[in-house]
PDB file of N, CA and C in Angstrom:
ATOM      1  N   MET A   1      -7.579  46.433 -12.637  1.00  0.00           N
ATOM      2  CA  MET A   1      -7.402  45.595 -11.468  1.00  0.00           C
ATOM      3  C   MET A   1      -7.592  46.394 -10.179  1.00  0.00           C
ATOM      4  N   PHE A   2      -7.185  47.651 -10.206  1.00  0.00           N
ATOM      5  CA  PHE A   2      -7.322  48.508  -9.038  1.00  0.00           C
ATOM      6  C   PHE A   2      -8.797  48.689  -8.682  1.00  0.00           C
ATOM      7  N   PHE A   3      -9.642  48.915  -9.701  1.00  0.00           N
ATOM      8  CA  PHE A   3     -11.076  49.069  -9.479  1.00  0.00           C
ATOM      9  C   PHE A   3     -11.661  47.802  -8.857  1.00  0.00           C
ATOM     10  N   LEU A   4     -11.240  46.667  -9.335  1.00  0.00           N
ATOM     11  CA  LEU A   4     -11.737  45.397  -8.833  1.00  0.00           C
ATOM     12  C   LEU A   4     -11.396  45.198  -7.360  1.00  0.00           C
ATOM     13  N   ARG A   5     -10.188  45.591  -6.974  1.00  0.00           N
ATOM     14  CA  ARG A   5      -9.770  45.461  -5.579  1.00  0.00           C
ATOM     15  C   ARG A   5     -10.568  46.403  -4.683  1.00  0.00           C
ATOM     16  N   ILE A   6     -10.775  47.631  -5.136  1.00  0.00           N
ATOM     17  CA  ILE A   6     -11.554  48.591  -4.352  1.00  0.00           C
ATOM     18  C   ILE A   6     -13.001  48.110  -4.237  1.00  0.00           C
ATOM     19  N   PHE A   7     -13.567  47.653  -5.350  1.00  0.00           N
ATOM     20  CA  PHE A   7     -14.952  47.197  -5.354  1.00  0.00           C
ATOM     21  C   PHE A   7     -15.141  45.998  -4.428  1.00  0.00           C
ATOM     22  N   SER A   8     -14.235  45.028  -4.489  1.00  0.00           N
ATOM     23  CA  SER A   8     -14.390  43.843  -3.642  1.00  0.00           C
ATOM     24  C   SER A   8     -14.233  44.211  -2.170  1.00  0.00           C
ATOM     25  N   PHE A   9     -13.332  45.153  -1.871  1.00  0.00           N
ATOM     26  CA  PHE A   9     -13.181  45.594  -0.482  1.00  0.00           C
ATOM     27  C   PHE A   9     -14.460  46.265   0.003  1.00  0.00           C
ATOM     28  N   LEU A  10     -15.002  47.178  -0.789  1.00  0.00           N
ATOM     29  CA  LEU A  10     -16.229  47.877  -0.400  1.00  0.00           C
ATOM     30  C   LEU A  10     -17.414  46.921  -0.288  1.00  0.00           C
ATOM     31  N   TYR A  11     -17.511  45.995  -1.220  1.00  0.00           N
ATOM     32  CA  TYR A  11     -18.607  45.014  -1.204  1.00  0.00           C
ATOM     33  C   TYR A  11     -18.536  44.168   0.061  1.00  0.00           C
ATOM     34  N   GLY A  12     -17.336  43.717   0.405  1.00  0.00           N
ATOM     35  CA  GLY A  12     -17.161  42.929   1.625  1.00  0.00           C
ATOM     36  C   GLY A  12     -17.412  43.741   2.882  1.00  0.00           C
ATOM     37  N   ALA A  13     -16.889  44.970   2.915  1.00  0.00           N
ATOM     38  CA  ALA A  13     -17.067  45.817   4.095  1.00  0.00           C
ATOM     39  C   ALA A  13     -18.532  46.193   4.294  1.00  0.00           C
ATOM     40  N   LEU A  14     -19.225  46.524   3.219  1.00  0.00           N
ATOM     41  CA  LEU A  14     -20.643  46.869   3.334  1.00  0.00           C
ATOM     42  C   LEU A  14     -21.485  45.656   3.724  1.00  0.00           C
ATOM     43  N   SER A  15     -21.089  44.474   3.276  1.00  0.00           N
ATOM     44  CA  SER A  15     -21.792  43.259   3.691  1.00  0.00           C
ATOM     45  C   SER A  15     -21.613  43.027   5.194  1.00  0.00           C
ATOM     46  N   LEU A  16     -20.394  43.255   5.695  1.00  0.00           N
ATOM     47  CA  LEU A  16     -20.152  43.117   7.135  1.00  0.00           C
ATOM     48  C   LEU A  16     -20.965  44.139   7.928  1.00  0.00           C
ATOM     49  N   LEU A  17     -20.990  45.369   7.440  1.00  0.00           N
ATOM     50  CA  LEU A  17     -21.749  46.419   8.114  1.00  0.00           C
ATOM     51  C   LEU A  17     -23.242  46.093   8.135  1.00  0.00           C
ATOM     52  N   SER A  18     -23.739  45.585   7.027  1.00  0.00           N
ATOM     53  CA  SER A  18     -25.153  45.244   6.924  1.00  0.00           C
ATOM     54  C   SER A  18     -25.537  44.134   7.891  1.00  0.00           C
ATOM     55  N   ILE A  19     -24.718  43.123   7.976  1.00  0.00           N
ATOM     56  CA  ILE A  19     -25.050  42.007   8.856  1.00  0.00           C
ATOM     57  C   ILE A  19     -24.894  42.401  10.322  1.00  0.00           C
ATOM     58  N   ALA A  20     -23.924  43.259  10.625  1.00  0.00           N
ATOM     59  CA  ALA A  20     -23.765  43.743  11.997  1.00  0.00           C
ATOM     60  C   ALA A  20     -25.000  44.539  12.413  1.00  0.00           C
ATOM     61  N   GLU A  21     -25.523  45.342  11.507  1.00  0.00           N
ATOM     62  CA  GLU A  21     -26.730  46.116  11.793  1.00  0.00           C
ATOM     63  C   GLU A  21     -27.914  45.193  12.067  1.00  0.00           C
ATOM     64  N   GLN A  22     -28.037  44.126  11.291  1.00  0.00           N
ATOM     65  CA  GLN A  22     -29.135  43.162  11.489  1.00  0.00           C
ATOM     66  C   GLN A  22     -29.008  42.463  12.846  1.00  0.00           C
ATOM     67  N   ILE A  23     -27.799  42.078  13.194  1.00  0.00           N
ATOM     68  CA  ILE A  23     -27.588  41.365  14.461  1.00  0.00           C
ATOM     69  C   ILE A  23     -27.883  42.282  15.644  1.00  0.00           C
ATOM     70  N   PHE A  24     -27.395  43.532  15.592  1.00  0.00           N
ATOM     71  CA  PHE A  24     -27.632  44.462  16.699  1.00  0.00           C
ATOM     72  C   PHE A  24     -29.093  44.890  16.802  1.00  0.00           C
ATOM     73  N   ALA A  25     -29.832  44.776  15.712  1.00  0.00           N
ATOM     74  CA  ALA A  25     -31.260  45.103  15.747  1.00  0.00           C
ATOM     75  C   ALA A  25     -32.082  43.951  16.340  1.00  0.00           C
ATOM     76  N   GLY A  26     -31.431  42.832  16.621  1.00  0.00           N
ATOM     77  CA  GLY A  26     -32.123  41.702  17.232  1.00  0.00           C
ATOM     78  C   GLY A  26     -32.690  40.713  16.233  1.00  0.00           C
ATOM     79  N   ASN A  27     -32.304  40.822  14.976  1.00  0.00           N
ATOM     80  CA  ASN A  27     -32.797  39.914  13.933  1.00  0.00           C
ATOM     81  C   ASN A  27     -31.779  38.823  13.637  1.00  0.00           C
ATOM     82  N   PHE A  28     -31.225  38.212  14.671  1.00  0.00           N
ATOM     83  CA  PHE A  28     -30.165  37.226  14.461  1.00  0.00           C
ATOM     84  C   PHE A  28     -30.749  35.899  13.986  1.00  0.00           C
ATOM     85  N   HIS A  29     -30.069  35.308  13.012  1.00  0.00           N
ATOM     86  CA  HIS A  29     -30.387  33.973  12.510  1.00  0.00           C
ATOM     87  C   HIS A  29     -29.066  33.268  12.257  1.00  0.00           C
ATOM     88  N   TRP A  30     -29.034  31.959  12.375  1.00  0.00           N
ATOM     89  CA  TRP A  30     -27.772  31.227  12.215  1.00  0.00           C
ATOM     90  C   TRP A  30     -27.115  31.486  10.861  1.00  0.00           C
ATOM     91  N   SER A  31     -27.905  31.776   9.834  1.00  0.00           N
ATOM     92  CA  SER A  31     -27.320  32.033   8.503  1.00  0.00           C
ATOM     93  C   SER A  31     -26.498  33.316   8.486  1.00  0.00           C
ATOM     94  N   HIS A  32     -26.724  34.192   9.461  1.00  0.00           N
ATOM     95  CA  HIS A  32     -25.941  35.426   9.533  1.00  0.00           C
ATOM     96  C   HIS A  32     -24.475  35.146   9.854  1.00  0.00           C
ATOM     97  N   LEU A  33     -24.190  33.987  10.398  1.00  0.00           N
ATOM     98  CA  LEU A  33     -22.806  33.643  10.716  1.00  0.00           C
ATOM     99  C   LEU A  33     -21.976  33.385   9.456  1.00  0.00           C
ATOM    100  N   LEU A  34     -22.630  33.094   8.339  1.00  0.00           N
ATOM    101  CA  LEU A  34     -21.912  32.825   7.092  1.00  0.00           C
ATOM    102  C   LEU A  34     -21.480  34.110   6.381  1.00  0.00           C
ATOM    103  N   TYR A  35     -22.216  35.178   6.565  1.00  0.00           N
ATOM    104  CA  TYR A  35     -21.890  36.440   5.895  1.00  0.00           C
ATOM    105  C   TYR A  35     -20.474  36.927   6.185  1.00  0.00           C
ATOM    106  N   PRO A  36     -20.047  36.984   7.456  1.00  0.00           N
ATOM    107  CA  PRO A  36     -18.688  37.472   7.713  1.00  0.00           C
ATOM    108  C   PRO A  36     -17.600  36.619   7.061  1.00  0.00           C
ATOM    109  N   ILE A  37     -17.827  35.323   6.971  1.00  0.00           N
ATOM    110  CA  ILE A  37     -16.825  34.443   6.352  1.00  0.00           C
ATOM    111  C   ILE A  37     -16.612  34.830   4.895  1.00  0.00           C
ATOM    112  N   PHE A  38     -17.696  34.971   4.151  1.00  0.00           N
ATOM    113  CA  PHE A  38     -17.581  35.285   2.726  1.00  0.00           C
ATOM    114  C   PHE A  38     -17.165  36.737   2.498  1.00  0.00           C
ATOM    115  N   ALA A  39     -17.628  37.638   3.346  1.00  0.00           N
ATOM    116  CA  ALA A  39     -17.236  39.041   3.214  1.00  0.00           C
ATOM    117  C   ALA A  39     -15.742  39.210   3.505  1.00  0.00           C
ATOM    118  N   LEU A  40     -15.243  38.490   4.493  1.00  0.00           N
ATOM    119  CA  LEU A  40     -13.807  38.562   4.801  1.00  0.00           C
ATOM    120  C   LEU A  40     -12.958  37.962   3.684  1.00  0.00           C
ATOM    121  N   CYS A  41     -13.497  36.988   2.956  1.00  0.00           N
ATOM    122  CA  CYS A  41     -12.792  36.466   1.774  1.00  0.00           C
ATOM    123  C   CYS A  41     -12.566  37.591   0.761  1.00  0.00           C
ATOM    124  N   LEU A  42     -13.595  38.391   0.518  1.00  0.00           N
ATOM    125  CA  LEU A  42     -13.473  39.498  -0.435  1.00  0.00           C
ATOM    126  C   LEU A  42     -12.489  40.553   0.056  1.00  0.00           C
ATOM    127  N   ILE A  43     -12.560  40.873   1.335  1.00  0.00           N
ATOM    128  CA  ILE A  43     -11.653  41.881   1.887  1.00  0.00           C
ATOM    129  C   ILE A  43     -10.215  41.384   1.834  1.00  0.00           C
ATOM    130  N   TYR A  44      -9.994  40.129   2.145  1.00  0.00           N
ATOM    131  CA  TYR A  44      -8.646  39.563   2.106  1.00  0.00           C
ATOM    132  C   TYR A  44      -8.062  39.618   0.695  1.00  0.00           C
ATOM    133  N   VAL A  45      -8.855  39.249  -0.295  1.00  0.00           N
ATOM    134  CA  VAL A  45      -8.376  39.274  -1.681  1.00  0.00           C
ATOM    135  C   VAL A  45      -8.097  40.707  -2.114  1.00  0.00           C
ATOM    136  N   ALA A  46      -8.905  41.663  -1.652  1.00  0.00           N
ATOM    137  CA  ALA A  46      -8.691  43.064  -2.010  1.00  0.00           C
ATOM    138  C   ALA A  46      -7.366  43.578  -1.450  1.00  0.00           C
ATOM    139  N   ILE A  47      -7.014  43.119  -0.271  1.00  0.00           N
ATOM    140  CA  ILE A  47      -5.774  43.583   0.352  1.00  0.00           C
ATOM    141  C   ILE A  47      -4.569  42.811  -0.177  1.00  0.00           C
ATOM    142  N   GLN A  48      -4.670  41.500  -0.271  1.00  0.00           N
ATOM    143  CA  GLN A  48      -3.535  40.668  -0.665  1.00  0.00           C
ATOM    144  C   GLN A  48      -3.458  40.415  -2.168  1.00  0.00           C
ATOM    145  N   SER A  49      -4.577  40.512  -2.857  1.00  0.00           N
ATOM    146  CA  SER A  49      -4.746  40.235  -4.296  1.00  0.00           C
ATOM    147  C   SER A  49      -4.401  38.800  -4.685  1.00  0.00           C
ATOM    148  N   GLN A  50      -4.323  37.918  -3.740  1.00  0.00           N
ATOM    149  CA  GLN A  50      -4.115  36.499  -3.989  1.00  0.00           C
ATOM    150  C   GLN A  50      -4.774  35.734  -2.857  1.00  0.00           C
ATOM    151  N   PRO A  51      -5.213  34.571  -2.954  1.00  0.00           N
ATOM    152  CA  PRO A  51      -5.511  33.784  -4.139  1.00  0.00           C
ATOM    153  C   PRO A  51      -6.889  34.138  -4.678  1.00  0.00           C
ATOM    154  N   TYR A  52      -7.062  34.016  -5.967  1.00  0.00           N
ATOM    155  CA  TYR A  52      -8.319  34.385  -6.597  1.00  0.00           C
ATOM    156  C   TYR A  52      -9.446  33.406  -6.297  1.00  0.00           C
ATOM    157  N   ASN A  53      -9.126  32.227  -5.829  1.00  0.00           N
ATOM    158  CA  ASN A  53     -10.184  31.285  -5.451  1.00  0.00           C
ATOM    159  C   ASN A  53     -11.075  31.879  -4.363  1.00  0.00           C
ATOM    160  N   LEU A  54     -10.467  32.612  -3.436  1.00  0.00           N
ATOM    161  CA  LEU A  54     -11.246  33.244  -2.381  1.00  0.00           C
ATOM    162  C   LEU A  54     -12.177  34.312  -2.945  1.00  0.00           C
ATOM    163  N   PHE A  55     -11.776  34.918  -4.038  1.00  0.00           N
ATOM    164  CA  PHE A  55     -12.596  35.929  -4.699  1.00  0.00           C
ATOM    165  C   PHE A  55     -13.906  35.306  -5.173  1.00  0.00           C
ATOM    166  N   TYR A  56     -13.794  34.167  -5.863  1.00  0.00           N
ATOM    167  CA  TYR A  56     -14.987  33.458  -6.339  1.00  0.00           C
ATOM    168  C   TYR A  56     -15.823  32.944  -5.174  1.00  0.00           C
ATOM    169  N   ILE A  57     -15.157  32.380  -4.189  1.00  0.00           N
ATOM    170  CA  ILE A  57     -15.856  31.858  -3.020  1.00  0.00           C
ATOM    171  C   ILE A  57     -16.611  32.969  -2.302  1.00  0.00           C
ATOM    172  N   GLY A  58     -15.996  34.129  -2.175  1.00  0.00           N
ATOM    173  CA  GLY A  58     -16.632  35.243  -1.489  1.00  0.00           C
ATOM    174  C   GLY A  58     -17.885  35.726  -2.188  1.00  0.00           C
ATOM    175  N   PHE A  59     -17.783  36.008  -3.492  1.00  0.00           N
ATOM    176  CA  PHE A  59     -18.941  36.524  -4.220  1.00  0.00           C
ATOM    177  C   PHE A  59     -20.073  35.501  -4.315  1.00  0.00           C
ATOM    178  N   ILE A  60     -19.733  34.279  -4.687  1.00  0.00           N
ATOM    179  CA  ILE A  60     -20.765  33.245  -4.826  1.00  0.00           C
ATOM    180  C   ILE A  60     -21.333  32.866  -3.459  1.00  0.00           C
ATOM    181  N   GLY A  61     -20.491  32.854  -2.443  1.00  0.00           N
ATOM    182  CA  GLY A  61     -20.956  32.554  -1.095  1.00  0.00           C
ATOM    183  C   GLY A  61     -21.933  33.587  -0.567  1.00  0.00           C
ATOM    184  N   LEU A  62     -21.709  34.861  -0.887  1.00  0.00           N
ATOM    185  CA  LEU A  62     -22.640  35.897  -0.444  1.00  0.00           C
ATOM    186  C   LEU A  62     -24.004  35.747  -1.113  1.00  0.00           C
ATOM    187  N   ILE A  63     -24.018  35.329  -2.369  1.00  0.00           N
ATOM    188  CA  ILE A  63     -25.296  35.077  -3.041  1.00  0.00           C
ATOM    189  C   ILE A  63     -26.000  33.897  -2.377  1.00  0.00           C
ATOM    190  N   PHE A  64     -25.263  32.822  -2.170  1.00  0.00           N
ATOM    191  CA  PHE A  64     -25.814  31.625  -1.535  1.00  0.00           C
ATOM    192  C   PHE A  64     -26.366  31.947  -0.138  1.00  0.00           C
ATOM    193  N   THR A  65     -25.626  32.715   0.626  1.00  0.00           N
ATOM    194  CA  THR A  65     -26.044  33.075   1.973  1.00  0.00           C
ATOM    195  C   THR A  65     -27.272  33.980   1.948  1.00  0.00           C
ATOM    196  N   ALA A  66     -27.347  34.883   0.967  1.00  0.00           N
ATOM    197  CA  ALA A  66     -28.526  35.748   0.846  1.00  0.00           C
ATOM    198  C   ALA A  66     -29.774  34.917   0.550  1.00  0.00           C
ATOM    199  N   ILE A  67     -29.614  33.901  -0.283  1.00  0.00           N
ATOM    200  CA  ILE A  67     -30.751  33.026  -0.594  1.00  0.00           C
ATOM    201  C   ILE A  67     -31.184  32.258   0.654  1.00  0.00           C
ATOM    202  N   ILE A  68     -30.226  31.631   1.330  1.00  0.00           N
ATOM    203  CA  ILE A  68     -30.533  30.854   2.533  1.00  0.00           C
ATOM    204  C   ILE A  68     -31.145  31.743   3.614  1.00  0.00           C
ATOM    205  N   GLY A  69     -30.527  32.892   3.852  1.00  0.00           N
ATOM    206  CA  GLY A  69     -31.051  33.797   4.873  1.00  0.00           C
ATOM    207  C   GLY A  69     -32.447  34.286   4.551  1.00  0.00           C
ATOM    208  N   GLY A  70     -32.699  34.594   3.284  1.00  0.00           N
ATOM    209  CA  GLY A  70     -34.023  35.057   2.882  1.00  0.00           C
ATOM    210  C   GLY A  70     -35.091  33.996   3.022  1.00  0.00           C
ATOM    211  N   VAL A  71     -34.756  32.769   2.669  1.00  0.00           N
ATOM    212  CA  VAL A  71     -35.728  31.673   2.761  1.00  0.00           C
ATOM    213  C   VAL A  71     -36.054  31.354   4.221  1.00  0.00           C
ATOM    214  N   PHE A  72     -35.028  31.265   5.062  1.00  0.00           N
ATOM    215  CA  PHE A  72     -35.263  30.875   6.451  1.00  0.00           C
ATOM    216  C   PHE A  72     -35.854  31.983   7.310  1.00  0.00           C
ATOM    217  N   THR A  73     -35.673  33.235   6.933  1.00  0.00           N
ATOM    218  CA  THR A  73     -36.240  34.330   7.726  1.00  0.00           C
ATOM    219  C   THR A  73     -37.494  34.913   7.078  1.00  0.00           C
ATOM    220  N   SER A  74     -37.947  34.280   6.004  1.00  0.00           N
ATOM    221  CA  SER A  74     -39.155  34.706   5.273  1.00  0.00           C
ATOM    222  C   SER A  74     -39.034  36.127   4.727  1.00  0.00           C
ATOM    223  N   THR A  75     -37.822  36.520   4.346  1.00  0.00           N
ATOM    224  CA  THR A  75     -37.606  37.842   3.755  1.00  0.00           C
ATOM    225  C   THR A  75     -37.012  37.707   2.360  1.00  0.00           C
ATOM    226  N   PHE A  76     -37.225  36.571   1.713  1.00  0.00           N
ATOM    227  CA  PHE A  76     -36.638  36.310   0.399  1.00  0.00           C
ATOM    228  C   PHE A  76     -37.180  37.295  -0.636  1.00  0.00           C
ATOM    229  N   ASP A  77     -36.279  37.909  -1.383  1.00  0.00           N
ATOM    230  CA  ASP A  77     -36.660  38.880  -2.408  1.00  0.00           C
ATOM    231  C   ASP A  77     -35.854  38.579  -3.671  1.00  0.00           C
ATOM    232  N   TRP A  78     -36.545  38.196  -4.739  1.00  0.00           N
ATOM    233  CA  TRP A  78     -35.874  37.854  -5.998  1.00  0.00           C
ATOM    234  C   TRP A  78     -35.056  39.011  -6.537  1.00  0.00           C
ATOM    235  N   ARG A  79     -35.565  40.229  -6.388  1.00  0.00           N
ATOM    236  CA  ARG A  79     -34.827  41.392  -6.925  1.00  0.00           C
ATOM    237  C   ARG A  79     -33.450  41.514  -6.280  1.00  0.00           C
ATOM    238  N   HIS A  80     -33.387  41.254  -4.989  1.00  0.00           N
ATOM    239  CA  HIS A  80     -32.117  41.312  -4.273  1.00  0.00           C
ATOM    240  C   HIS A  80     -31.130  40.275  -4.814  1.00  0.00           C
ATOM    241  N   ILE A  81     -31.622  39.074  -5.034  1.00  0.00           N
ATOM    242  CA  ILE A  81     -30.771  37.998  -5.547  1.00  0.00           C
ATOM    243  C   ILE A  81     -30.341  38.289  -6.984  1.00  0.00           C
ATOM    244  N   ILE A  82     -31.251  38.804  -7.801  1.00  0.00           N
ATOM    245  CA  ILE A  82     -30.920  39.118  -9.189  1.00  0.00           C
ATOM    246  C   ILE A  82     -29.863  40.207  -9.254  1.00  0.00           C
ATOM    247  N   VAL A  83     -29.990  41.242  -8.441  1.00  0.00           N
ATOM    248  CA  VAL A  83     -28.998  42.318  -8.430  1.00  0.00           C
ATOM    249  C   VAL A  83     -27.643  41.783  -7.978  1.00  0.00           C
ATOM    250  N   ARG A  84     -27.616  40.978  -6.922  1.00  0.00           N
ATOM    251  CA  ARG A  84     -26.342  40.397  -6.471  1.00  0.00           C
ATOM    252  C   ARG A  84     -25.714  39.516  -7.553  1.00  0.00           C
ATOM    253  N   THR A  85     -26.542  38.737  -8.234  1.00  0.00           N
ATOM    254  CA  THR A  85     -26.030  37.849  -9.282  1.00  0.00           C
ATOM    255  C   THR A  85     -25.488  38.647 -10.457  1.00  0.00           C
ATOM    256  N   ILE A  86     -26.180  39.690 -10.870  1.00  0.00           N
ATOM    257  CA  ILE A  86     -25.703  40.519 -11.985  1.00  0.00           C
ATOM    258  C   ILE A  86     -24.393  41.194 -11.623  1.00  0.00           C
ATOM    259  N   ILE A  87     -24.302  41.736 -10.418  1.00  0.00           N
ATOM    260  CA  ILE A  87     -23.056  42.372  -9.980  1.00  0.00           C
ATOM    261  C   ILE A  87     -21.921  41.355  -9.977  1.00  0.00           C
ATOM    262  N   THR A  88     -22.193  40.160  -9.465  1.00  0.00           N
ATOM    263  CA  THR A  88     -21.163  39.119  -9.421  1.00  0.00           C
ATOM    264  C   THR A  88     -20.723  38.716 -10.820  1.00  0.00           C
ATOM    265  N   LEU A  89     -21.658  38.548 -11.733  1.00  0.00           N
ATOM    266  CA  LEU A  89     -21.297  38.171 -13.103  1.00  0.00           C
ATOM    267  C   LEU A  89     -20.487  39.258 -13.796  1.00  0.00           C
ATOM    268  N   ILE A  90     -20.849  40.505 -13.579  1.00  0.00           N
ATOM    269  CA  ILE A  90     -20.091  41.603 -14.190  1.00  0.00           C
ATOM    270  C   ILE A  90     -18.671  41.644 -13.644  1.00  0.00           C
ATOM    271  N   VAL A  91     -18.543  41.477 -12.341  1.00  0.00           N
ATOM    272  CA  VAL A  91     -17.212  41.548 -11.720  1.00  0.00           C
ATOM    273  C   VAL A  91     -16.365  40.331 -12.077  1.00  0.00           C
ATOM    274  N   LEU A  92     -16.961  39.151 -12.100  1.00  0.00           N
ATOM    275  CA  LEU A  92     -16.184  37.928 -12.323  1.00  0.00           C
ATOM    276  C   LEU A  92     -16.016  37.595 -13.801  1.00  0.00           C
ATOM    277  N   TRP A  93     -16.741  38.235 -14.701  1.00  0.00           N
ATOM    278  CA  TRP A  93     -16.688  37.898 -16.127  1.00  0.00           C
ATOM    279  C   TRP A  93     -15.277  37.959 -16.722  1.00  0.00           C
ATOM    280  N   PRO A  94     -14.510  39.014 -16.482  1.00  0.00           N
ATOM    281  CA  PRO A  94     -13.180  39.064 -17.101  1.00  0.00           C
ATOM    282  C   PRO A  94     -12.184  38.060 -16.523  1.00  0.00           C
ATOM    283  N   LYS A  95     -12.458  37.512 -15.362  1.00  0.00           N
ATOM    284  CA  LYS A  95     -11.487  36.609 -14.722  1.00  0.00           C
ATOM    285  C   LYS A  95     -11.454  35.284 -15.386  1.00  0.00           C
TER     286      LYS A  95
END
């Protein structure tokens, strides 16, 4: 459980850092506003360890947002989505 909390915190924090870098580089798109919501869900669950619904919402929401952002900004990459999905399935499988 400790590994899961650390991983979800890092995943959420790195997602926030990534989107902040994109916004400051001038590549802002409305879909970027969804990333912090889902990333903060992961960080909150890592710190509080409850409720687990936010855990599922955070991971699945980040995949959904990556798809939407990629399609609307013409940067869609299947490999990116597949890697995110595999990571999410591995992390959420025992739950």
